[in-house]
């Protein structure tokens, strides 16, 4: 999805650039570019997914311990 930032009356170029930068950070554009710029092996993708799953489980265990 393209990011479109239009200059409003009274805004400087720096303001418009700042808006664009904030929107690109919110949309994770730079992260997506990094992912697509180089080929990653299927095994690396599986490892990354597994790592995320383990991290979530770890967080859930911590949350359960805090409840009691």
C-alpha atoms as a PDB file:
ATOM      1  CA  UNK A   1       0.000   0.000   0.000  1.00  0.00           C
ATOM      2  CA  UNK A   2       1.570   3.316  -0.999  1.00  0.00           C
ATOM      3  CA  UNK A   3       2.182   5.993   1.588  1.00  0.00           C
ATOM      4  CA  UNK A   4       0.917   9.369   0.418  1.00  0.00           C
ATOM      5  CA  UNK A   5       1.676  12.538   2.363  1.00  0.00           C
ATOM      6  CA  UNK A   6       0.318  15.814   1.068  1.00  0.00           C
ATOM      7  CA  UNK A   7       1.661  19.171   2.120  1.00  0.00           C
ATOM      8  CA  UNK A   8      -0.887  21.345   3.869  1.00  0.00           C
ATOM      9  CA  UNK A   9      -0.858  25.106   3.993  1.00  0.00           C
ATOM     10  CA  UNK A  10       1.691  26.383   6.482  1.00  0.00           C
ATOM     11  CA  UNK A  11       3.712  23.169   6.701  1.00  0.00           C
ATOM     12  CA  UNK A  12       7.395  23.096   5.970  1.00  0.00           C
ATOM     13  CA  UNK A  13       9.241  20.427   4.031  1.00  0.00           C
ATOM     14  CA  UNK A  14      10.652  19.105   7.291  1.00  0.00           C
ATOM     15  CA  UNK A  15       7.126  18.641   8.676  1.00  0.00           C
ATOM     16  CA  UNK A  16       6.097  16.630   5.620  1.00  0.00           C
ATOM     17  CA  UNK A  17       9.248  14.501   5.804  1.00  0.00           C
ATOM     18  CA  UNK A  18       8.553  13.870   9.494  1.00  0.00           C
ATOM     19  CA  UNK A  19       5.004  12.754   8.727  1.00  0.00           C
ATOM     20  CA  UNK A  20       6.293  10.390   6.050  1.00  0.00           C
ATOM     21  CA  UNK A  21       8.905   8.972   8.399  1.00  0.00           C
ATOM     22  CA  UNK A  22       6.326   8.350  11.143  1.00  0.00           C
ATOM     23  CA  UNK A  23       3.938   6.663   8.720  1.00  0.00           C
ATOM     24  CA  UNK A  24       6.692   4.450   7.326  1.00  0.00           C
ATOM     25  CA  UNK A  25       7.665   3.376  10.858  1.00  0.00           C
ATOM     26  CA  UNK A  26       4.035   2.583  11.712  1.00  0.00           C
ATOM     27  CA  UNK A  27       3.656   0.492   8.556  1.00  0.00           C
ATOM     28  CA  UNK A  28       7.002  -1.316   9.123  1.00  0.00           C
ATOM     29  CA  UNK A  29       8.145  -0.459   5.616  1.00  0.00           C
ATOM     30  CA  UNK A  30      11.859  -0.703   6.404  1.00  0.00           C
ATOM     31  CA  UNK A  31      11.420  -4.114   8.034  1.00  0.00           C
ATOM     32  CA  UNK A  32       9.559  -5.386   4.974  1.00  0.00           C
ATOM     33  CA  UNK A  33      12.293  -4.086   2.675  1.00  0.00           C
ATOM     34  CA  UNK A  34      14.940  -5.881   4.722  1.00  0.00           C
ATOM     35  CA  UNK A  35      12.988  -9.126   4.529  1.00  0.00           C
ATOM     36  CA  UNK A  36      12.497  -8.902   0.772  1.00  0.00           C
ATOM     37  CA  UNK A  37      15.951  -7.615  -0.169  1.00  0.00           C
ATOM     38  CA  UNK A  38      17.739 -10.915   0.368  1.00  0.00           C
ATOM     39  CA  UNK A  39      16.724 -14.525  -0.086  1.00  0.00           C
ATOM     40  CA  UNK A  40      16.191 -16.481   3.092  1.00  0.00           C
ATOM     41  CA  UNK A  41      16.254 -20.233   3.110  1.00  0.00           C
ATOM     42  CA  UNK A  42      13.093 -22.115   4.071  1.00  0.00           C
ATOM     43  CA  UNK A  43      14.908 -23.550   7.086  1.00  0.00           C
ATOM     44  CA  UNK A  44      15.680 -20.014   8.290  1.00  0.00           C
ATOM     45  CA  UNK A  45      12.019 -19.074   7.970  1.00  0.00           C
ATOM     46  CA  UNK A  46      10.968 -22.123   9.986  1.00  0.00           C
ATOM     47  CA  UNK A  47      13.574 -21.311  12.635  1.00  0.00           C
ATOM     48  CA  UNK A  48      12.288 -17.737  12.904  1.00  0.00           C
ATOM     49  CA  UNK A  49       8.692 -18.906  13.311  1.00  0.00           C
ATOM     50  CA  UNK A  50       9.744 -21.423  15.952  1.00  0.00           C
ATOM     51  CA  UNK A  51      11.676 -18.736  17.793  1.00  0.00           C
ATOM     52  CA  UNK A  52       8.599 -16.475  17.882  1.00  0.00           C
ATOM     53  CA  UNK A  53       6.412 -19.319  19.164  1.00  0.00           C
ATOM     54  CA  UNK A  54       8.882 -20.118  21.958  1.00  0.00           C
ATOM     55  CA  UNK A  55       9.070 -16.453  22.907  1.00  0.00           C
ATOM     56  CA  UNK A  56       5.258 -16.213  23.165  1.00  0.00           C
ATOM     57  CA  UNK A  57       5.105 -19.326  25.326  1.00  0.00           C
ATOM     58  CA  UNK A  58       7.771 -17.888  27.607  1.00  0.00           C
ATOM     59  CA  UNK A  59       5.772 -14.671  27.989  1.00  0.00           C
ATOM     60  CA  UNK A  60       2.590 -16.599  28.745  1.00  0.00           C
ATOM     61  CA  UNK A  61       4.354 -18.631  31.438  1.00  0.00           C
ATOM     62  CA  UNK A  62       5.628 -15.442  33.046  1.00  0.00           C
ATOM     63  CA  UNK A  63       2.135 -13.941  32.978  1.00  0.00           C
ATOM     64  CA  UNK A  64       0.667 -17.049  34.634  1.00  0.00           C
ATOM     65  CA  UNK A  65       3.239 -16.887  37.422  1.00  0.00           C
ATOM     66  CA  UNK A  66       2.396 -13.246  38.118  1.00  0.00           C
ATOM     67  CA  UNK A  67      -1.332 -13.919  38.432  1.00  0.00           C
ATOM     68  CA  UNK A  68      -0.935 -16.035  41.532  1.00  0.00           C
END
